[in-house]
N, C-alpha and C. Protein backbone atom coordinates (compact mmCIF):
# COMPACT_ATOMS: atom_id res chain seq x y z
N MET A 1 0.42 -1.05 0.04
CA MET A 1 -0.22 -0.32 -0.04
C MET A 1 0.81 1.54 -0.12
N VAL A 2 0.80 2.21 -0.52
CA VAL A 2 1.16 3.50 -0.64
C VAL A 2 0.01 4.71 -0.69
N GLY A 3 0.85 5.82 0.18
CA GLY A 3 0.14 6.66 0.50
C GLY A 3 0.42 7.80 -0.75
N ARG A 4 -0.84 8.36 -1.22
CA ARG A 4 -0.95 9.42 -2.32
C ARG A 4 -1.01 10.63 -1.92
N ALA A 5 -1.22 11.45 -2.82
CA ALA A 5 -0.77 12.95 -2.18
C ALA A 5 -2.24 13.38 -2.19
N ASP A 6 -3.40 12.87 -2.73
CA ASP A 6 -4.89 13.50 -2.95
C ASP A 6 -5.13 12.67 -1.41
N HIS A 7 -4.60 12.60 -0.22
CA HIS A 7 -5.55 11.49 0.82
C HIS A 7 -5.84 10.42 0.64
N SER A 8 -5.55 9.42 -0.82
CA SER A 8 -5.95 8.26 -0.49
C SER A 8 -5.00 7.19 -0.40
N ILE A 9 -5.04 6.03 -1.10
CA ILE A 9 -4.13 4.82 0.15
C ILE A 9 -4.41 3.73 -1.47
N SER A 10 -3.10 3.25 -2.03
CA SER A 10 -3.31 2.83 -3.53
C SER A 10 -3.10 1.46 -2.91
N VAL A 11 -3.71 0.05 -3.29
CA VAL A 11 -3.95 -1.34 -2.33
C VAL A 11 -3.41 -1.83 -4.05
N ASP A 12 -2.43 -2.58 -4.11
CA ASP A 12 -1.88 -3.52 -4.98
C ASP A 12 -1.78 -4.49 -4.51
N HIS A 13 -2.12 -5.64 -5.46
CA HIS A 13 -2.17 -7.13 -4.09
C HIS A 13 -2.24 -7.87 -5.54
N PRO A 14 -1.68 -8.54 -5.38
CA PRO A 14 -1.41 -9.79 -6.78
C PRO A 14 -3.03 -10.33 -7.19
N GLY A 15 -3.58 -10.85 -6.29
CA GLY A 15 -4.92 -11.09 -6.00
C GLY A 15 -6.02 -10.64 -6.11
N PHE A 16 -6.23 -8.86 -6.09
CA PHE A 16 -7.13 -8.21 -7.07
C PHE A 16 -6.92 -7.03 -7.95
N PRO A 17 -8.45 -6.61 -8.62
CA PRO A 17 -7.51 -5.52 -8.97
C PRO A 17 -6.97 -4.35 -8.47
N PRO A 18 -6.49 -3.37 -9.30
CA PRO A 18 -5.72 -2.37 -8.18
C PRO A 18 -6.53 -1.43 -7.65
N LEU A 19 -7.09 -1.14 -6.17
CA LEU A 19 -7.95 -0.70 -5.58
C LEU A 19 -7.30 1.04 -4.87
N GLN A 20 -8.29 1.58 -4.88
CA GLN A 20 -7.68 2.71 -4.07
C GLN A 20 -8.55 3.04 -3.11
N LEU A 21 -8.02 3.79 -1.88
CA LEU A 21 -9.32 3.97 -0.74
C LEU A 21 -8.92 5.04 -0.44
N MET A 22 -10.31 6.08 -1.10
CA MET A 22 -10.38 7.28 -0.55
C MET A 22 -10.93 8.35 0.64
N CYS A 23 -9.91 8.93 1.36
CA CYS A 23 -10.58 9.57 2.23
C CYS A 23 -10.74 11.22 2.41
N GLU A 24 -12.14 10.90 3.02
CA GLU A 24 -12.54 12.41 2.87
C GLU A 24 -11.51 13.35 3.55
N GLY A 25 -11.31 14.54 3.36
CA GLY A 25 -10.77 15.47 4.32
C GLY A 25 -9.52 15.45 4.42
N ASP A 26 -8.67 15.76 5.24
CA ASP A 26 -6.84 15.89 5.48
C ASP A 26 -6.99 15.07 6.37
N PRO A 27 -7.04 13.38 6.10
CA PRO A 27 -6.35 12.79 7.00
C PRO A 27 -4.70 12.26 7.23
N GLU A 28 -4.14 11.66 8.18
CA GLU A 28 -2.90 11.75 8.33
C GLU A 28 -2.74 10.17 8.27
N LEU A 29 -1.72 9.92 6.84
CA LEU A 29 -1.93 8.64 6.70
C LEU A 29 -0.81 7.80 7.04
N LEU A 30 -0.94 6.84 7.77
CA LEU A 30 -0.02 6.06 8.58
C LEU A 30 0.28 5.22 7.65
N PHE A 31 1.37 4.54 8.30
CA PHE A 31 1.82 2.71 7.14
C PHE A 31 3.02 2.44 8.18
N CYS A 32 2.39 1.08 8.28
CA CYS A 32 3.75 -0.06 8.68
C CYS A 32 3.59 -1.58 8.08
N GLU A 33 4.34 -2.14 8.74
CA GLU A 33 4.52 -3.93 7.91
C GLU A 33 3.90 -5.08 9.14
N ASN A 34 3.25 -5.23 8.69
CA ASN A 34 2.26 -6.73 9.33
C ASN A 34 3.34 -7.92 9.68
N GLU A 35 4.37 -7.56 10.11
CA GLU A 35 5.76 -7.99 11.09
C GLU A 35 5.47 -8.22 12.30
N THR A 36 5.66 -9.24 13.15
CA THR A 36 5.92 -8.91 14.67
C THR A 36 7.09 -8.11 14.78
N ASN A 37 6.92 -7.44 16.46
CA ASN A 37 7.84 -6.85 16.59
C ASN A 37 8.98 -7.29 17.56
N SER A 38 9.50 -7.98 16.97
CA SER A 38 10.74 -9.26 17.69
C SER A 38 11.38 -7.93 18.96
N ARG A 39 11.29 -6.89 18.42
CA ARG A 39 12.30 -6.44 19.28
C ARG A 39 11.46 -6.17 20.85
N ARG A 40 9.98 -5.84 21.19
CA ARG A 40 9.54 -5.79 21.72
C ARG A 40 9.20 -7.35 22.26
N LEU A 41 8.71 -7.83 21.43
CA LEU A 41 8.42 -9.52 22.09
C LEU A 41 9.69 -10.14 22.44
N TYR A 42 11.01 -9.98 21.61
CA TYR A 42 12.10 -11.68 22.36
C TYR A 42 12.88 -10.54 22.38
N GLY A 43 13.08 -9.51 22.40
CA GLY A 43 14.33 -8.40 22.93
C GLY A 43 15.29 -8.16 21.92
N THR A 44 15.21 -8.43 20.70
CA THR A 44 16.08 -8.65 19.56
C THR A 44 16.18 -7.61 19.31
N ASN A 45 17.54 -7.15 18.26
CA ASN A 45 17.92 -5.77 17.77
C ASN A 45 16.96 -5.35 16.67
N ALA A 46 15.64 -5.85 16.22
CA ALA A 46 15.11 -6.01 14.87
C ALA A 46 14.95 -4.75 14.43
N VAL A 47 14.97 -4.09 14.02
CA VAL A 47 14.82 -2.74 12.79
C VAL A 47 13.76 -2.82 11.84
N GLY A 48 12.78 -2.23 12.12
CA GLY A 48 11.65 -2.31 11.15
C GLY A 48 10.65 -0.76 11.75
N PHE A 49 8.93 -1.27 10.84
CA PHE A 49 7.83 -0.63 11.13
C PHE A 49 6.85 -2.14 11.19
N PHE A 50 6.72 -2.12 12.52
CA PHE A 50 6.26 -3.42 12.67
C PHE A 50 4.85 -2.96 13.53
N LYS A 51 3.93 -3.77 13.41
CA LYS A 51 2.40 -3.85 13.06
C LYS A 51 1.89 -3.75 14.23
N ASP A 52 2.53 -3.35 15.26
CA ASP A 52 1.91 -2.26 16.14
C ASP A 52 2.03 -0.64 15.90
N GLY A 53 2.70 -0.53 15.13
CA GLY A 53 3.94 0.79 15.04
C GLY A 53 2.55 1.87 14.72
N ILE A 54 1.31 1.74 14.21
CA ILE A 54 -0.24 2.44 14.04
C ILE A 54 -0.56 2.65 15.39
N SER A 55 -0.55 1.82 16.44
CA SER A 55 -0.96 2.17 17.88
C SER A 55 0.03 3.19 18.43
N ASP A 56 1.50 2.39 18.35
CA ASP A 56 2.53 3.03 18.96
C ASP A 56 2.57 4.22 18.62
N TYR A 57 2.32 4.71 17.49
CA TYR A 57 2.07 6.00 17.21
C TYR A 57 0.78 6.53 17.72
N VAL A 58 -0.53 6.60 17.21
CA VAL A 58 -1.59 6.78 18.16
C VAL A 58 -1.68 7.54 19.54
N VAL A 59 -1.19 5.76 19.77
CA VAL A 59 -1.53 6.00 21.18
C VAL A 59 -0.11 6.48 21.91
N GLY A 60 0.83 5.96 21.75
CA GLY A 60 2.21 6.16 22.48
C GLY A 60 2.56 7.39 21.87
N GLY A 61 2.57 7.91 20.69
CA GLY A 61 3.09 8.79 20.10
C GLY A 61 4.70 8.63 19.88
N ASP A 62 5.01 7.48 19.42
CA ASP A 62 5.97 7.50 18.81
C ASP A 62 6.23 7.50 17.72
N LEU A 63 6.83 8.56 17.01
CA LEU A 63 6.67 9.12 15.58
C LEU A 63 7.71 8.24 14.60
N ALA A 64 8.56 7.66 14.78
CA ALA A 64 9.18 6.70 14.56
C ALA A 64 8.79 4.97 14.44
N ALA A 65 7.42 4.83 14.90
CA ALA A 65 6.86 3.83 14.47
C ALA A 65 6.00 3.33 13.04
N VAL A 66 6.22 4.32 12.58
CA VAL A 66 5.29 4.66 11.23
C VAL A 66 6.38 5.00 10.44
N ASN A 67 6.49 4.10 8.99
CA ASN A 67 7.09 4.68 8.18
C ASN A 67 6.72 5.99 7.02
N PRO A 68 7.79 6.91 7.50
CA PRO A 68 7.49 8.11 6.97
C PRO A 68 7.32 8.32 5.34
N ASP A 69 7.69 7.11 3.97
CA ASP A 69 7.72 7.26 3.32
C ASP A 69 6.21 6.52 2.77
N ARG A 70 5.47 6.75 4.17
CA ARG A 70 3.62 6.36 3.34
C ARG A 70 3.94 4.96 2.51
N LEU A 71 4.41 3.89 3.18
CA LEU A 71 4.41 2.75 2.40
C LEU A 71 4.32 1.46 3.28
N GLY A 72 3.81 0.81 2.70
CA GLY A 72 3.64 -0.45 3.83
C GLY A 72 2.32 -1.54 3.78
N THR A 73 2.61 -2.93 4.60
CA THR A 73 1.57 -3.57 4.17
C THR A 73 0.20 -3.58 5.13
N LYS A 74 0.11 -2.62 6.38
CA LYS A 74 -0.58 -1.86 7.25
C LYS A 74 -0.96 -0.58 6.58
N ALA A 75 -2.24 0.29 6.79
CA ALA A 75 -2.25 1.13 7.07
C ALA A 75 -3.51 2.06 7.40
N ALA A 76 -3.15 3.33 7.88
CA ALA A 76 -3.84 3.61 8.73
C ALA A 76 -4.81 5.40 8.22
N ALA A 77 -5.73 5.89 8.08
CA ALA A 77 -6.43 7.29 8.22
C ALA A 77 -6.56 7.89 9.66
N LEU A 78 -5.65 8.78 10.12
CA LEU A 78 -5.28 9.27 11.36
C LEU A 78 -6.47 10.27 11.24
N TYR A 79 -7.52 10.97 11.57
CA TYR A 79 -8.29 12.18 11.53
C TYR A 79 -7.97 12.75 13.03
N ARG A 80 -8.04 13.87 12.97
CA ARG A 80 -8.05 14.63 14.78
C ARG A 80 -9.04 15.73 14.09
N LEU A 81 -10.35 15.64 14.73
CA LEU A 81 -11.51 16.37 14.35
C LEU A 81 -12.89 16.01 15.19
N THR A 82 -13.56 16.95 15.52
CA THR A 82 -15.10 16.52 16.36
C THR A 82 -15.33 15.81 14.69
N LEU A 83 -15.66 14.53 15.05
CA LEU A 83 -16.54 13.90 13.83
C LEU A 83 -17.62 14.31 13.49
N PRO A 84 -18.20 14.75 12.46
CA PRO A 84 -19.82 15.35 12.42
C PRO A 84 -20.72 13.87 12.24
N ALA A 85 -21.85 14.78 12.61
CA ALA A 85 -22.90 13.70 13.15
C ALA A 85 -23.00 12.66 11.77
N GLU A 86 -23.08 13.27 9.83
CA GLU A 86 -22.92 12.26 9.29
C GLU A 86 -21.67 11.33 8.87
N GLY A 87 -20.51 11.88 9.49
CA GLY A 87 -19.64 10.72 9.48
C GLY A 87 -18.84 11.56 8.95
N LEU A 88 -17.79 10.25 8.23
CA LEU A 88 -16.81 11.10 7.20
C LEU A 88 -16.67 9.64 6.07
N ARG A 89 -16.89 10.23 4.83
CA ARG A 89 -16.96 9.20 3.79
C ARG A 89 -15.60 8.51 3.50
N ARG A 90 -15.48 7.37 3.05
CA ARG A 90 -14.37 6.41 2.58
C ARG A 90 -14.64 5.33 1.58
N ARG A 91 -14.11 5.44 0.71
CA ARG A 91 -14.42 4.66 -0.64
C ARG A 91 -12.98 3.37 -1.12
N LEU A 92 -13.55 2.17 -0.55
CA LEU A 92 -12.06 0.98 -1.73
C LEU A 92 -13.25 0.77 -2.80
N ALA A 93 -12.72 1.03 -3.90
CA ALA A 93 -13.21 0.96 -4.88
C ALA A 93 -11.77 0.66 -5.83
N PRO A 94 -12.05 -0.17 -7.32
CA PRO A 94 -10.89 -0.13 -8.23
C PRO A 94 -11.02 0.67 -9.08
N GLY A 95 -9.50 1.43 -9.30
CA GLY A 95 -9.32 2.71 -9.98
C GLY A 95 -9.15 3.85 -8.96
N THR A 96 -9.95 4.60 -9.42
CA THR A 96 -9.94 6.11 -9.14
C THR A 96 -11.35 7.08 -8.79
N PRO A 97 -11.97 6.08 -8.15
CA PRO A 97 -13.61 6.76 -8.21
C PRO A 97 -13.87 8.24 -7.89
N GLY A 98 -12.53 8.49 -6.55
CA GLY A 98 -12.99 9.65 -5.71
C GLY A 98 -14.60 9.49 -4.98
N LEU A 99 -14.44 10.69 -4.58
CA LEU A 99 -16.16 10.83 -4.02
C LEU A 99 -16.98 11.80 -4.84
N ALA A 100 -17.25 12.05 -5.42
CA ALA A 100 -18.01 13.32 -6.17
C ALA A 100 -19.62 12.34 -5.94
N ASP A 101 -19.48 10.96 -5.96
CA ASP A 101 -20.91 10.53 -6.85
C ASP A 101 -21.14 9.43 -5.19
N PHE A 102 -20.27 9.82 -4.03
CA PHE A 102 -20.73 8.94 -3.30
C PHE A 102 -22.07 9.16 -2.56
N ASP A 103 -22.78 10.00 -2.21
CA ASP A 103 -23.96 10.05 -1.22
C ASP A 103 -24.88 9.74 -2.46
N ALA A 104 -25.02 9.56 -3.74
CA ALA A 104 -26.06 8.52 -4.63
C ALA A 104 -25.23 7.31 -4.49
N ALA A 105 -24.20 6.40 -4.53
CA ALA A 105 -23.64 5.34 -4.66
C ALA A 105 -24.55 4.66 -3.50
N MET A 106 -24.45 5.77 -1.77
CA MET A 106 -24.83 4.98 -0.65
C MET A 106 -26.09 4.84 -1.09
N ARG A 107 -26.91 6.16 -1.12
CA ARG A 107 -28.53 5.94 -1.18
C ARG A 107 -28.67 4.97 -1.88
N GLN A 108 -27.97 4.39 -3.38
CA GLN A 108 -28.81 3.15 -3.92
C GLN A 108 -28.32 2.06 -3.46
N ARG A 109 -27.32 1.78 -2.90
CA ARG A 109 -26.75 0.87 -1.69
C ARG A 109 -28.09 0.63 -0.93
N ARG A 110 -28.52 1.76 -0.22
CA ARG A 110 -29.29 1.53 0.96
C ARG A 110 -30.20 0.29 0.16
N THR A 111 -31.09 1.76 -1.08
CA THR A 111 -32.50 1.47 -1.54
C THR A 111 -32.01 -0.28 -2.10
N GLU A 112 -31.41 -1.03 -2.23
CA GLU A 112 -31.03 -2.32 -2.89
C GLU A 112 -31.36 -3.17 -1.66
N ALA A 113 -30.05 -2.44 -0.77
CA ALA A 113 -29.99 -3.98 1.19
C ALA A 113 -31.90 -3.41 1.55
N ASN A 114 -32.26 -2.49 1.45
CA ASN A 114 -33.58 -2.55 2.18
C ASN A 114 -34.68 -3.41 1.12
N GLU A 115 -34.46 -3.27 -0.57
CA GLU A 115 -35.12 -4.08 -0.86
C GLU A 115 -35.04 -5.60 -0.55
N PHE A 116 -33.73 -5.86 -0.66
CA PHE A 116 -33.34 -7.48 -0.36
C PHE A 116 -33.94 -7.82 0.81
N TYR A 117 -34.05 -7.07 1.82
CA TYR A 117 -34.27 -7.41 2.93
C TYR A 117 -35.79 -7.99 3.43
N ASP A 118 -36.69 -6.47 2.67
CA ASP A 118 -38.20 -6.81 2.28
C ASP A 118 -38.14 -8.02 2.33
N ALA A 119 -37.72 -8.74 0.82
CA ALA A 119 -38.12 -9.72 0.20
C ALA A 119 -38.34 -11.03 1.19
N LEU A 120 -36.15 -10.79 1.46
CA LEU A 120 -35.99 -12.08 2.47
C LEU A 120 -36.85 -12.16 3.91
N GLN A 121 -37.10 -10.79 4.58
CA GLN A 121 -37.96 -11.48 5.73
C GLN A 121 -38.95 -11.61 5.62
N ARG A 122 -40.25 -11.24 4.43
CA ARG A 122 -41.23 -10.80 4.78
C ARG A 122 -42.05 -11.92 5.24
N ASP A 123 -41.96 -12.99 5.99
CA ASP A 123 -42.64 -14.08 6.72
C ASP A 123 -42.29 -13.27 8.31
N ILE A 124 -41.18 -12.51 8.38
CA ILE A 124 -40.60 -12.62 9.67
C ILE A 124 -41.67 -11.09 10.40
N ALA A 125 -42.18 -11.54 11.25
CA ALA A 125 -43.41 -10.14 11.82
C ALA A 125 -42.43 -9.62 13.04
N ASP A 126 -41.60 -10.06 13.82
CA ASP A 126 -41.08 -9.30 14.82
C ASP A 126 -39.77 -8.07 14.25
N PRO A 127 -39.51 -6.90 14.27
CA PRO A 127 -39.41 -6.18 14.05
C PRO A 127 -37.64 -6.70 14.98
N ASP A 128 -37.58 -7.21 16.04
CA ASP A 128 -36.32 -7.30 16.46
C ASP A 128 -35.57 -8.31 15.73
N THR A 129 -36.76 -9.60 15.63
CA THR A 129 -35.64 -10.70 15.11
C THR A 129 -35.19 -9.83 13.64
N LYS A 130 -36.01 -9.26 12.89
CA LYS A 130 -35.44 -8.73 11.79
C LYS A 130 -33.82 -7.79 11.59
N LEU A 131 -33.84 -7.12 12.73
CA LEU A 131 -32.84 -6.21 13.06
C LEU A 131 -31.57 -7.34 14.03
N VAL A 132 -31.58 -8.10 14.17
CA VAL A 132 -30.81 -9.37 14.53
C VAL A 132 -30.38 -9.72 13.27
N GLN A 133 -31.18 -10.36 12.26
CA GLN A 133 -30.81 -11.33 11.73
C GLN A 133 -29.72 -10.28 10.31
N ARG A 134 -30.13 -8.90 10.08
CA ARG A 134 -29.66 -7.75 9.13
C ARG A 134 -28.54 -7.63 9.81
N GLN A 135 -28.30 -7.37 11.29
CA GLN A 135 -26.91 -7.50 11.59
C GLN A 135 -25.67 -8.13 11.73
N ALA A 136 -25.94 -9.42 11.93
CA ALA A 136 -25.79 -10.25 11.83
C ALA A 136 -25.04 -10.60 10.18
N ALA A 137 -25.79 -10.53 9.17
CA ALA A 137 -25.28 -10.31 8.05
C ALA A 137 -24.38 -9.39 7.70
N ARG A 138 -24.15 -8.23 8.41
CA ARG A 138 -23.39 -7.05 8.00
C ARG A 138 -22.24 -7.69 8.59
N ARG A 139 -22.34 -7.81 9.90
CA ARG A 139 -20.97 -8.58 10.43
C ARG A 139 -20.46 -9.57 9.53
N HIS A 140 -20.89 -10.19 9.14
CA HIS A 140 -20.18 -11.77 8.39
C HIS A 140 -20.22 -11.39 7.41
N ALA A 141 -20.06 -10.08 6.50
CA ALA A 141 -19.88 -9.99 5.28
C ALA A 141 -18.44 -9.03 5.49
N VAL A 142 -18.42 -8.38 6.73
CA VAL A 142 -17.25 -7.37 6.97
C VAL A 142 -16.16 -8.34 7.46
N VAL A 143 -16.38 -9.20 8.10
CA VAL A 143 -14.90 -9.93 8.39
C VAL A 143 -15.05 -11.02 7.03
N GLU A 144 -15.51 -11.34 6.19
CA GLU A 144 -15.25 -12.05 4.61
C GLU A 144 -14.39 -11.51 4.43
N ALA A 145 -14.88 -10.07 4.27
CA ALA A 145 -14.37 -8.94 3.82
C ALA A 145 -12.52 -8.69 3.91
N ALA A 146 -12.80 -8.74 5.42
CA ALA A 146 -11.09 -8.58 5.95
C ALA A 146 -10.48 -9.86 5.82
N LEU A 147 -11.31 -11.00 5.66
CA LEU A 147 -10.28 -12.22 5.83
C LEU A 147 -9.75 -12.66 3.89
N LEU A 148 -10.66 -11.77 2.77
CA LEU A 148 -10.44 -11.90 1.65
C LEU A 148 -9.34 -10.68 1.29
N LEU A 149 -9.09 -9.56 2.13
CA LEU A 149 -8.07 -8.95 1.67
C LEU A 149 -7.07 -9.21 2.76
N ARG A 150 -7.14 -9.63 3.42
CA ARG A 150 -5.84 -10.26 3.86
C ARG A 150 -5.38 -11.52 3.09
N HIS A 151 -6.00 -12.82 2.81
CA HIS A 151 -6.27 -13.93 2.28
C HIS A 151 -6.75 -14.05 1.19
N PRO A 152 -6.70 -13.69 0.09
CA PRO A 152 -7.06 -13.58 -0.67
C PRO A 152 -7.18 -15.23 -1.34
N ARG A 153 -7.19 -16.08 -1.34
CA ARG A 153 -7.57 -17.44 -1.37
C ARG A 153 -8.64 -17.95 -0.52
N VAL A 154 -8.93 -17.43 0.65
CA VAL A 154 -10.00 -18.47 1.66
C VAL A 154 -11.41 -17.63 0.91
N GLY A 155 -11.85 -18.34 1.09
CA GLY A 155 -13.20 -18.36 0.43
C GLY A 155 -13.62 -18.35 -0.85
N THR A 156 -14.61 -17.62 -1.36
CA THR A 156 -14.77 -17.49 -2.92
C THR A 156 -15.27 -16.43 -2.79
N ARG A 157 -14.84 -15.69 -4.19
CA ARG A 157 -15.39 -14.35 -4.26
C ARG A 157 -16.84 -14.33 -4.31
N ARG A 158 -17.98 -13.82 -4.10
CA ARG A 158 -19.35 -14.16 -4.40
C ARG A 158 -19.44 -12.23 -4.07
N SER A 159 -21.14 -12.26 -4.85
CA SER A 159 -21.32 -10.73 -4.94
C SER A 159 -22.17 -10.73 -3.51
N ALA A 160 -22.27 -9.20 -2.98
CA ALA A 160 -22.59 -9.19 -1.44
C ALA A 160 -23.85 -9.46 -1.22
N ALA A 161 -24.91 -9.36 -2.52
CA ALA A 161 -25.93 -9.75 -2.26
C ALA A 161 -26.26 -11.30 -2.10
N THR A 162 -25.13 -12.70 -2.44
CA THR A 162 -25.35 -13.30 -2.15
C THR A 162 -24.49 -13.66 -1.24
N ARG A 163 -23.75 -13.33 -0.71
CA ARG A 163 -22.93 -13.47 0.98
C ARG A 163 -23.77 -13.15 1.78
N THR A 164 -24.68 -11.94 1.37
CA THR A 164 -25.55 -11.71 2.72
C THR A 164 -27.13 -12.65 2.96
N ALA A 165 -27.36 -13.07 1.51
CA ALA A 165 -28.25 -14.21 1.46
C ALA A 165 -27.78 -15.60 2.63
N ALA A 166 -26.59 -16.10 1.96
CA ALA A 166 -25.73 -17.12 2.98
C ALA A 166 -26.05 -16.35 4.25
N VAL A 167 -25.80 -16.03 4.53
CA VAL A 167 -25.18 -15.61 6.36
C VAL A 167 -27.13 -15.25 6.32
N ALA A 168 -27.69 -14.82 5.97
CA ALA A 168 -29.50 -14.54 6.34
C ALA A 168 -30.04 -15.34 6.45
N LYS A 169 -29.75 -16.66 5.66
CA LYS A 169 -30.29 -17.86 5.90
C LYS A 169 -30.14 -18.95 6.91
N ALA A 170 -28.73 -18.86 7.31
CA ALA A 170 -27.77 -19.57 7.99
C ALA A 170 -28.48 -18.54 9.42
N GLY A 171 -29.00 -17.75 9.78
CA GLY A 171 -29.41 -17.34 10.80
C GLY A 171 -30.62 -17.58 10.78
N THR A 172 -30.84 -17.67 10.08
CA THR A 172 -32.68 -18.22 10.18
C THR A 172 -33.20 -19.70 10.70
N GLN A 173 -31.55 -20.37 10.85
CA GLN A 173 -31.71 -21.67 10.89
C GLN A 173 -31.74 -22.14 12.06
N ARG A 174 -32.82 -22.75 12.85
CA ARG A 174 -32.47 -22.81 14.79
C ARG A 174 -31.98 -24.37 14.96
N ARG A 175 -30.71 -23.62 15.98
CA ARG A 175 -30.36 -25.10 16.90
C ARG A 175 -31.22 -26.09 17.10
N PRO A 176 -30.93 -27.46 17.25
CA PRO A 176 -31.98 -28.08 17.97
C PRO A 176 -31.87 -27.69 19.37
N ALA A 177 -33.00 -28.29 20.33
CA ALA A 177 -33.29 -27.91 21.42
C ALA A 177 -31.82 -28.50 22.43
N ALA A 178 -31.73 -28.04 23.63
CA ALA A 178 -30.70 -28.80 23.97
C ALA A 178 -31.62 -29.40 24.95
N PRO A 179 -31.04 -31.55 25.01
CA PRO A 179 -32.07 -32.26 26.14
C PRO A 179 -31.99 -31.49 27.66
N GLU A 180 -33.64 -31.96 28.16
CA GLU A 180 -33.45 -30.96 29.41
C GLU A 180 -33.25 -32.66 30.08
């Protein structure tokens, strides 16, 4: 990953098309490697920008813990601000899509998600059950996406709707009752 002047992070991985994480505003881009800090763990004289570098920088103020050349296998966008109610816009996408059509794209994705869940949950009357099912599917999709970014050969690349449908189906299956 490489930090760009436009406050974006380029992600180049052989298992994916070129991706770019666009970050709204003016965050400080932090980079380190996904390598164990053997200096801290084993007391060696190891040198590098280890996996705990971002935390050491943000929490501990260690300026030398992150790569000043803005490249590495781990990255973060550090914001120092009062978070607005609408949050911050970020977008991970192939190419350089920018954020110009972000709001329209989000409205479209919300509409699609609502239509999907309306159809999937048509036989569920309880609103709390609907909410739990939807939250479980979202968490599963986030975890699966993180796994695919770390290990692209894990699982299959399915569409978000297919992943969500599979998770939603699993969420409606009941476990057998425990013996009394």
